[in-house]
């Protein structure tokens, strides 16, 4: 009997220890869950907060996360029919796409133009050359690229169950050489991967008819359709239920895409882009017009309009939060007495025009602008006694990384524009 009582006591003791351990585990789980839930709340709550917390983000991560630019290239049979610049700003929740016509002329002299001086021809030379020409054309400093094969595009559309899209016109075109056969009727419909490819590659029908003039004919119409379809594709892809298909998307990327974007760079943007409202996506085309140069069909970009569009589409200077000068009081300063010289240390005339436009909008007058030797960083040289408010404003508007002060009797400022 005593032995039986001893066994019962030991059993109860073990049971008591087991309960205590279970209670400790439950308590730890509750504490951990509470902390995780609080961090999710701190990171904005919802899906964004959950993803941000899951990958180790905190409140400071987003504040230090810069906007990202990427050159998108659509490849088919070793050629690129699609050239776009994509930008995403996680802090402003802003995204933009700019289409670059494949016939854009990048030479110096229209009178001696050749087909090799079209932006599309640079693609065969290499991606570094492509990035260089695009940066000179736009005045941006794009570091990343993403080459997408037609097969990847089709596979992605099929993976998300197709995309509902309003086809703008009847499309009927056949090219046996490319094994391309387009046969679509106008109107809203669900497009699978094959039909989506037909849509974005269409330029004109077998009988020569194309998009209406007001829509944009031939290549211009195709680019508009591509931008509109990408918007619809993004809406479908960014639906929460598609996050469970991430492994399928990764397989498609590995098989059909080429990029210099690494996972560590991309993952930081995922928690925020899933909450981006695709209806806010801004899309434009490089300003300019189709023309003939030395007998060749080309697209001539308008540098003045391009400079303004790049700032409005991607950078939003002065008017928006990206380059916000509202907290700098220059109201009592006569800016016309400040002599400003701009020196272009890049290969891009567009970047010079962008900076010049910003300064003139802010009330400054530019004395002269010239070329100088290539430089990486933008430098501002200040001669004379300049108010601190002016220095701050000019530094923001020009994105200067270095400011040098020189003693002088007259107030003058030289700004050397660099590539970065």
Protein backbone atom coordinates (compact mmCIF):
# COMPACT_ATOMS: atom_id res chain seq x y z
CA UNK A 1 0.00 0.00 0.00
CA UNK A 2 2.83 2.35 0.88
CA UNK A 3 4.57 1.54 -2.41
CA UNK A 4 1.36 2.29 -4.27
CA UNK A 5 1.03 5.66 -2.49
CA UNK A 6 4.67 6.49 -3.33
CA UNK A 7 4.05 5.75 -7.01
CA UNK A 8 0.94 7.94 -6.95
CA UNK A 9 2.91 10.79 -5.37
CA UNK A 10 5.68 10.48 -7.99
CA UNK A 11 3.10 10.38 -10.77
CA UNK A 12 1.38 13.50 -9.41
CA UNK A 13 4.77 15.22 -9.07
CA UNK A 14 5.67 14.40 -12.67
CA UNK A 15 2.22 15.51 -13.77
CA UNK A 16 2.69 18.75 -11.86
CA UNK A 17 6.10 19.37 -13.46
CA UNK A 18 4.60 18.59 -16.89
CA UNK A 19 1.81 21.09 -16.33
CA UNK A 20 4.29 23.74 -15.23
CA UNK A 21 6.43 23.16 -18.34
CA UNK A 22 3.30 23.31 -20.51
CA UNK A 23 2.25 26.55 -18.81
CA UNK A 24 5.73 28.05 -19.32
CA UNK A 25 5.67 27.08 -23.03
CA UNK A 26 2.17 28.55 -23.48
CA UNK A 27 3.28 31.70 -21.62
CA UNK A 28 6.37 32.06 -23.83
CA UNK A 29 4.27 31.55 -26.98
CA UNK A 30 1.78 34.18 -25.80
CA UNK A 31 4.58 36.64 -25.02
CA UNK A 32 6.28 35.97 -28.38
CA UNK A 33 2.94 36.26 -30.19
CA UNK A 34 2.14 39.51 -28.39
CA UNK A 35 5.55 40.97 -29.25
CA UNK A 36 5.20 39.86 -32.88
CA UNK A 37 1.67 41.31 -33.08
CA UNK A 38 2.93 44.59 -31.58
CA UNK A 39 5.76 44.75 -34.11
CA UNK A 40 3.26 44.05 -36.92
CA UNK A 41 1.20 46.97 -35.56
CA UNK A 42 4.33 49.18 -35.38
CA UNK A 43 5.17 48.26 -38.98
CA UNK A 44 1.80 49.43 -40.23
CA UNK A 45 -0.45 46.45 -39.54
CA UNK A 46 -2.17 44.26 -42.10
CA UNK A 47 -0.31 42.27 -44.74
CA UNK A 48 2.38 44.95 -45.04
CA UNK A 49 3.06 44.90 -41.30
CA UNK A 50 3.11 41.09 -41.19
CA UNK A 51 5.59 40.80 -44.08
CA UNK A 52 7.78 43.63 -42.78
CA UNK A 53 7.99 42.00 -39.35
CA UNK A 54 8.58 38.52 -40.82
CA UNK A 55 11.70 39.66 -42.66
CA UNK A 56 13.07 41.65 -39.72
CA UNK A 57 12.03 45.22 -40.55
CA UNK A 58 11.34 47.87 -37.94
CA UNK A 59 9.98 51.42 -38.00
CA UNK A 60 13.32 52.82 -39.21
CA UNK A 61 13.66 50.44 -42.17
CA UNK A 62 11.13 52.21 -44.38
CA UNK A 63 12.56 55.64 -43.55
CA UNK A 64 15.96 54.55 -44.91
CA UNK A 65 14.65 52.61 -47.91
CA UNK A 66 15.44 54.53 -51.14
CA UNK A 67 13.35 54.54 -54.29
CA UNK A 68 14.42 51.93 -56.83
CA UNK A 69 14.78 52.22 -60.61
CA UNK A 70 14.93 49.33 -63.05
CA UNK A 71 15.28 49.07 -66.83
CA UNK A 72 12.72 46.59 -68.16
CA UNK A 73 13.48 44.86 -71.46
CA UNK A 74 11.04 42.57 -73.25
CA UNK A 75 12.98 40.09 -75.37
CA UNK A 76 11.75 38.02 -78.31
CA UNK A 77 14.06 36.18 -80.74
CA UNK A 78 17.17 38.10 -79.54
CA UNK A 79 15.44 41.45 -80.16
CA UNK A 80 13.77 43.80 -77.69
CA UNK A 81 10.35 45.17 -78.62
CA UNK A 82 9.76 46.57 -75.15
CA UNK A 83 11.98 49.13 -73.40
CA UNK A 84 10.66 50.69 -70.19
CA UNK A 85 11.93 52.43 -67.07
CA UNK A 86 10.14 51.41 -63.88
CA UNK A 87 10.41 53.27 -60.57
CA UNK A 88 9.01 52.48 -57.13
CA UNK A 89 9.21 54.76 -54.10
CA UNK A 90 8.15 52.88 -50.92
CA UNK A 91 8.04 56.01 -48.77
CA UNK A 92 5.68 57.95 -51.04
CA UNK A 93 3.96 54.77 -52.30
CA UNK A 94 4.60 56.02 -55.82
CA UNK A 95 5.34 53.98 -58.93
CA UNK A 96 5.89 55.08 -62.51
CA UNK A 97 6.62 53.52 -65.89
CA UNK A 98 8.13 55.33 -68.88
CA UNK A 99 8.10 53.68 -72.32
CA UNK A 100 11.08 54.26 -74.63
CA UNK A 101 10.29 53.81 -78.35
CA UNK A 102 12.60 51.19 -79.85
CA UNK A 103 13.45 53.52 -82.78
CA UNK A 104 14.64 56.36 -80.51
CA UNK A 105 17.61 58.07 -82.18
CA UNK A 106 20.72 58.24 -79.98
CA UNK A 107 23.22 59.58 -82.54
CA UNK A 108 24.65 63.10 -82.68
CA UNK A 109 23.86 63.98 -86.30
CA UNK A 110 20.54 63.21 -87.99
CA UNK A 111 22.06 63.86 -91.43
CA UNK A 112 24.36 60.84 -91.07
CA UNK A 113 21.96 58.62 -89.10
CA UNK A 114 22.22 54.83 -89.43
CA UNK A 115 20.04 51.98 -88.05
CA UNK A 116 22.78 51.22 -85.50
CA UNK A 117 22.02 54.58 -83.87
CA UNK A 118 18.58 53.48 -82.71
CA UNK A 119 18.26 52.54 -79.03
CA UNK A 120 17.01 49.07 -79.99
CA UNK A 121 20.29 48.35 -81.82
CA UNK A 122 22.31 48.92 -78.63
CA UNK A 123 20.60 45.88 -77.08
CA UNK A 124 22.73 43.54 -79.22
CA UNK A 125 25.95 45.17 -77.93
CA UNK A 126 25.26 44.42 -74.27
CA UNK A 127 23.27 45.44 -71.23
CA UNK A 128 25.94 47.83 -69.91
CA UNK A 129 25.78 49.82 -73.15
CA UNK A 130 21.99 49.80 -72.96
CA UNK A 131 22.01 51.20 -69.41
CA UNK A 132 24.56 53.86 -70.40
CA UNK A 133 22.46 55.07 -73.35
CA UNK A 134 19.21 55.06 -71.36
CA UNK A 135 20.85 57.07 -68.56
CA UNK A 136 22.19 59.61 -71.05
CA UNK A 137 18.79 59.81 -72.72
CA UNK A 138 16.94 60.47 -69.46
CA UNK A 139 19.54 61.96 -67.11
CA UNK A 140 18.78 59.24 -64.54
CA UNK A 141 21.23 56.91 -62.84
CA UNK A 142 19.62 53.48 -63.34
CA UNK A 143 21.70 50.62 -61.98
CA UNK A 144 19.35 47.64 -62.29
CA UNK A 145 17.89 45.80 -65.26
CA UNK A 146 15.40 43.00 -65.85
CA UNK A 147 15.29 41.15 -69.16
CA UNK A 148 12.05 39.23 -69.64
CA UNK A 149 11.70 36.60 -72.34
CA UNK A 150 8.33 36.25 -74.08
CA UNK A 151 7.98 32.80 -72.51
CA UNK A 152 8.28 34.30 -69.00
CA UNK A 153 5.54 36.78 -69.79
CA UNK A 154 3.21 34.03 -71.01
CA UNK A 155 4.03 31.77 -68.05
CA UNK A 156 3.36 34.55 -65.52
CA UNK A 157 -0.03 35.40 -67.05
CA UNK A 158 -1.01 31.72 -67.00
CA UNK A 159 0.27 31.29 -63.41
CA UNK A 160 -2.11 33.97 -62.08
CA UNK A 161 -5.08 32.55 -64.01
CA UNK A 162 -5.08 35.06 -66.88
CA UNK A 163 -5.76 38.81 -67.00
CA UNK A 164 -9.06 40.51 -67.82
CA UNK A 165 -8.35 43.27 -70.33
CA UNK A 166 -10.26 45.51 -72.74
CA UNK A 167 -8.65 44.90 -76.15
CA UNK A 168 -8.82 48.31 -77.92
CA UNK A 169 -9.34 47.13 -81.54
CA UNK A 170 -9.70 43.99 -83.65
CA UNK A 171 -6.23 42.52 -84.22
CA UNK A 172 -5.38 40.18 -87.10
CA UNK A 173 -1.75 39.69 -88.12
CA UNK A 174 0.41 36.79 -89.32
CA UNK A 175 4.21 36.54 -89.57
CA UNK A 176 5.33 33.03 -90.51
CA UNK A 177 9.00 33.95 -90.15
CA UNK A 178 8.53 34.71 -86.45
CA UNK A 179 5.79 32.09 -86.06
CA UNK A 180 3.64 34.96 -84.79
CA UNK A 181 -0.11 34.77 -85.35
CA UNK A 182 -2.36 37.39 -83.77
CA UNK A 183 -6.13 36.97 -83.80
CA UNK A 184 -8.03 39.00 -81.18
CA UNK A 185 -11.41 40.70 -81.16
CA UNK A 186 -11.98 44.09 -79.56
CA UNK A 187 -13.61 44.18 -76.13
CA UNK A 188 -13.13 43.11 -72.53
CA UNK A 189 -12.06 39.47 -72.16
CA UNK A 190 -9.91 37.10 -70.13
CA UNK A 191 -6.52 36.71 -71.82
CA UNK A 192 -4.30 33.70 -71.20
CA UNK A 193 -0.54 33.82 -71.75
CA UNK A 194 -0.71 33.15 -75.48
CA UNK A 195 -3.35 35.80 -76.14
CA UNK A 196 -1.55 38.30 -73.87
CA UNK A 197 1.59 37.88 -75.98
CA UNK A 198 -0.46 38.51 -79.13
CA UNK A 199 -1.85 41.69 -77.58
CA UNK A 200 1.47 43.26 -76.52
CA UNK A 201 3.25 42.41 -79.78
CA UNK A 202 0.58 43.80 -82.12
CA UNK A 203 1.48 46.84 -84.23
CA UNK A 204 -0.73 46.59 -87.33
CA UNK A 205 -3.07 44.24 -89.17
CA UNK A 206 -2.35 42.21 -92.30
CA UNK A 207 -4.10 44.89 -94.39
CA UNK A 208 -1.91 47.68 -92.95
CA UNK A 209 -4.55 49.19 -90.64
CA UNK A 210 -3.42 49.99 -87.11
CA UNK A 211 -4.49 51.79 -83.94
CA UNK A 212 -6.42 55.05 -84.50
CA UNK A 213 -4.35 58.23 -84.65
CA UNK A 214 -5.65 59.60 -81.32
CA UNK A 215 -4.63 56.35 -79.58
CA UNK A 216 -1.15 56.31 -81.11
CA UNK A 217 -0.34 54.49 -84.33
CA UNK A 218 1.98 51.49 -84.86
CA UNK A 219 4.76 51.39 -82.19
CA UNK A 220 3.25 54.25 -80.18
CA UNK A 221 -0.06 52.40 -79.96
CA UNK A 222 1.70 49.18 -79.03
CA UNK A 223 3.55 50.91 -76.19
CA UNK A 224 0.32 52.38 -74.84
CA UNK A 225 -1.32 48.95 -74.92
CA UNK A 226 1.72 47.44 -73.19
CA UNK A 227 1.58 50.02 -70.40
CA UNK A 228 -2.16 49.51 -69.93
CA UNK A 229 -1.77 45.74 -69.88
CA UNK A 230 1.11 45.91 -67.37
CA UNK A 231 -1.18 47.89 -65.06
CA UNK A 232 -3.86 45.19 -65.32
CA UNK A 233 -1.22 42.47 -64.86
CA UNK A 234 0.15 44.17 -61.73
CA UNK A 235 -3.36 44.40 -60.23
CA UNK A 236 -3.86 40.69 -60.68
CA UNK A 237 -0.35 39.65 -59.56
CA UNK A 238 -0.39 41.75 -56.38
CA UNK A 239 -3.58 40.17 -55.06
CA UNK A 240 -2.88 38.61 -51.60
CA UNK A 241 -3.84 35.10 -52.76
CA UNK A 242 -1.05 35.16 -55.32
CA UNK A 243 1.56 35.42 -52.56
CA UNK A 244 1.08 31.67 -52.07
CA UNK A 245 2.33 31.18 -55.64
CA UNK A 246 5.67 32.79 -54.87
CA UNK A 247 7.61 29.56 -55.54
CA UNK A 248 6.01 29.31 -58.97
CA UNK A 249 6.96 32.92 -59.72
CA UNK A 250 10.55 32.24 -58.61
CA UNK A 251 10.74 29.23 -60.94
CA UNK A 252 9.53 31.36 -63.85
CA UNK A 253 12.10 34.05 -63.02
CA UNK A 254 14.96 31.52 -62.83
CA UNK A 255 13.99 29.96 -66.13
CA UNK A 256 13.11 32.93 -68.32
CA UNK A 257 14.46 36.14 -66.74
CA UNK A 258 17.87 37.75 -66.44
CA UNK A 259 18.59 40.48 -63.90
CA UNK A 260 21.29 41.98 -61.69
CA UNK A 261 18.78 42.50 -58.87
CA UNK A 262 19.61 40.22 -55.93
CA UNK A 263 17.17 38.77 -53.43
CA UNK A 264 18.48 40.86 -50.51
CA UNK A 265 17.71 44.04 -52.47
CA UNK A 266 14.24 42.97 -53.63
CA UNK A 267 12.94 41.49 -50.35
CA UNK A 268 13.13 44.85 -48.55
CA UNK A 269 10.52 46.30 -50.94
CA UNK A 270 8.05 43.39 -50.84
CA UNK A 271 6.15 44.37 -47.64
CA UNK A 272 5.36 47.81 -49.04
CA UNK A 273 4.69 47.09 -52.71
CA UNK A 274 1.95 44.57 -51.82
CA UNK A 275 -0.08 47.49 -50.46
CA UNK A 276 0.56 49.75 -53.44
CA UNK A 277 -2.66 50.82 -55.18
CA UNK A 278 -2.07 49.94 -58.83
CA UNK A 279 -4.67 52.54 -59.84
CA UNK A 280 -2.05 55.10 -58.78
CA UNK A 281 0.54 53.72 -61.23
CA UNK A 282 1.66 56.55 -63.53
CA UNK A 283 2.60 55.65 -67.09
CA UNK A 284 4.00 57.85 -69.85
CA UNK A 285 5.93 57.68 -73.11
CA UNK A 286 9.22 59.44 -73.87
CA UNK A 287 8.24 62.83 -75.38
CA UNK A 288 9.14 63.29 -79.04
CA UNK A 289 7.92 62.43 -82.51
CA UNK A 290 8.45 59.91 -85.32
CA UNK A 291 10.62 61.25 -88.16
CA UNK A 292 13.03 60.29 -90.92
CA UNK A 293 16.77 60.84 -90.46
CA UNK A 294 19.03 60.20 -93.45
CA UNK A 295 16.23 58.11 -94.95
CA UNK A 296 15.72 55.94 -91.85
CA UNK A 297 12.55 55.87 -89.73
CA UNK A 298 13.49 57.07 -86.23
CA UNK A 299 11.94 58.57 -83.12
CA UNK A 300 13.37 61.95 -82.09
CA UNK A 301 13.17 62.61 -78.36
CA UNK A 302 12.41 66.18 -77.25
CA UNK A 303 15.08 67.04 -74.66
CA UNK A 304 13.21 69.95 -73.07
CA UNK A 305 9.98 67.98 -72.64
CA UNK A 306 11.89 64.89 -71.54
CA UNK A 307 13.65 66.89 -68.81
CA UNK A 308 10.31 68.12 -67.47
CA UNK A 309 8.62 64.73 -67.73
CA UNK A 310 11.44 62.89 -65.93
CA UNK A 311 11.20 65.31 -63.03
CA UNK A 312 7.39 65.18 -62.88
CA UNK A 313 7.11 61.41 -63.36
CA UNK A 314 9.99 60.19 -61.22
CA UNK A 315 11.40 62.97 -59.07
CA UNK A 316 8.64 65.51 -58.30
CA UNK A 317 10.98 68.36 -57.34
CA UNK A 318 9.83 71.36 -55.29
CA UNK A 319 6.11 70.53 -55.52
CA UNK A 320 6.25 67.14 -53.77
CA UNK A 321 7.85 65.52 -50.75
CA UNK A 322 10.72 63.97 -52.69
CA UNK A 323 12.64 67.25 -52.87
CA UNK A 324 10.75 69.28 -50.31
CA UNK A 325 11.98 72.85 -49.92
CA UNK A 326 8.86 74.09 -48.13
CA UNK A 327 10.66 74.17 -44.78
CA UNK A 328 13.36 76.50 -46.12
CA UNK A 329 12.46 80.19 -45.91
CA UNK A 330 14.02 82.17 -48.78
CA UNK A 331 11.15 84.67 -49.04
CA UNK A 332 13.24 87.71 -48.08
CA UNK A 333 16.17 86.89 -50.41
CA UNK A 334 16.66 88.49 -53.83
CA UNK A 335 17.72 85.43 -55.84
CA UNK A 336 18.33 87.49 -58.98
CA UNK A 337 21.49 88.88 -57.38
CA UNK A 338 23.02 85.41 -57.18
CA UNK A 339 25.04 84.52 -60.27
CA UNK A 340 24.71 80.80 -60.96
CA UNK A 341 26.83 78.88 -63.43
CA UNK A 342 25.96 75.28 -64.38
CA UNK A 343 28.67 72.93 -65.64
CA UNK A 344 27.55 69.60 -67.04
CA UNK A 345 29.92 66.83 -65.93
CA UNK A 346 27.75 64.09 -67.48
CA UNK A 347 27.00 62.87 -70.99
CA UNK A 348 23.34 63.76 -70.54
CA UNK A 349 22.01 67.10 -71.74
CA UNK A 350 18.66 66.11 -70.22
CA UNK A 351 20.10 66.08 -66.70
CA UNK A 352 21.47 69.60 -67.22
CA UNK A 353 18.04 70.77 -68.40
CA UNK A 354 16.35 69.07 -65.43
CA UNK A 355 18.54 70.89 -62.90
CA UNK A 356 18.17 74.17 -64.80
CA UNK A 357 14.37 73.83 -64.84
CA UNK A 358 14.30 73.18 -61.09
CA UNK A 359 16.40 76.23 -60.29
CA UNK A 360 14.38 78.52 -62.54
CA UNK A 361 11.10 77.27 -61.04
CA UNK A 362 12.51 78.13 -57.60
CA UNK A 363 13.25 81.70 -58.79
CA UNK A 364 16.97 81.51 -59.59
CA UNK A 365 18.50 82.85 -62.81
CA UNK A 366 21.17 80.88 -64.65
CA UNK A 367 24.00 83.02 -66.04
CA UNK A 368 25.41 80.32 -68.30
CA UNK A 369 25.64 76.56 -68.73
CA UNK A 370 28.50 74.66 -70.33
CA UNK A 371 30.08 71.23 -70.57
CA UNK A 372 33.00 70.16 -68.39
CA UNK A 373 34.99 66.98 -67.83
CA UNK A 374 33.17 63.87 -66.58
CA UNK A 375 32.56 63.69 -62.84
CA UNK A 376 30.64 61.31 -60.58
CA UNK A 377 29.42 63.51 -57.71
CA UNK A 378 27.55 66.82 -58.05
CA UNK A 379 29.58 69.62 -56.46
CA UNK A 380 28.58 73.15 -55.53
CA UNK A 381 31.25 75.86 -55.24
CA UNK A 382 30.06 78.99 -53.39
CA UNK A 383 31.95 82.26 -53.72
CA UNK A 384 31.01 85.07 -51.38
CA UNK A 385 28.65 85.33 -48.42
CA UNK A 386 25.54 83.29 -49.26
CA UNK A 387 22.62 82.87 -46.84
CA UNK A 388 22.30 79.42 -45.26
CA UNK A 389 18.74 79.08 -46.58
CA UNK A 390 20.01 79.48 -50.15
CA UNK A 391 22.72 76.89 -49.59
CA UNK A 392 20.19 74.40 -48.22
CA UNK A 393 17.73 74.99 -51.06
CA UNK A 394 20.34 74.73 -53.80
CA UNK A 395 21.80 71.59 -52.29
CA UNK A 396 18.39 69.92 -52.37
CA UNK A 397 17.45 71.10 -55.85
CA UNK A 398 20.76 70.07 -57.42
CA UNK A 399 21.27 66.94 -55.28
CA UNK A 400 24.80 68.15 -54.55
CA UNK A 401 26.87 65.84 -52.38
CA UNK A 402 29.78 68.26 -51.89
CA UNK A 403 29.64 71.97 -51.02
CA UNK A 404 32.84 74.06 -51.13
CA UNK A 405 32.94 77.63 -49.73
CA UNK A 406 35.38 80.13 -51.22
CA UNK A 407 35.90 83.72 -50.03
CA UNK A 408 35.08 86.35 -52.67
CA UNK A 409 33.74 89.90 -53.00
CA UNK A 410 30.93 89.04 -55.39
CA UNK A 411 28.35 86.35 -54.82
CA UNK A 412 28.54 83.60 -57.41
CA UNK A 413 27.89 79.90 -57.40
CA UNK A 414 29.22 77.20 -59.71
CA UNK A 415 27.35 73.89 -59.76
CA UNK A 416 29.14 70.96 -61.40
CA UNK A 417 26.56 68.31 -62.25
CA UNK A 418 27.75 64.75 -61.78
CA UNK A 419 26.45 61.37 -62.90
CA UNK A 420 25.15 60.42 -59.43
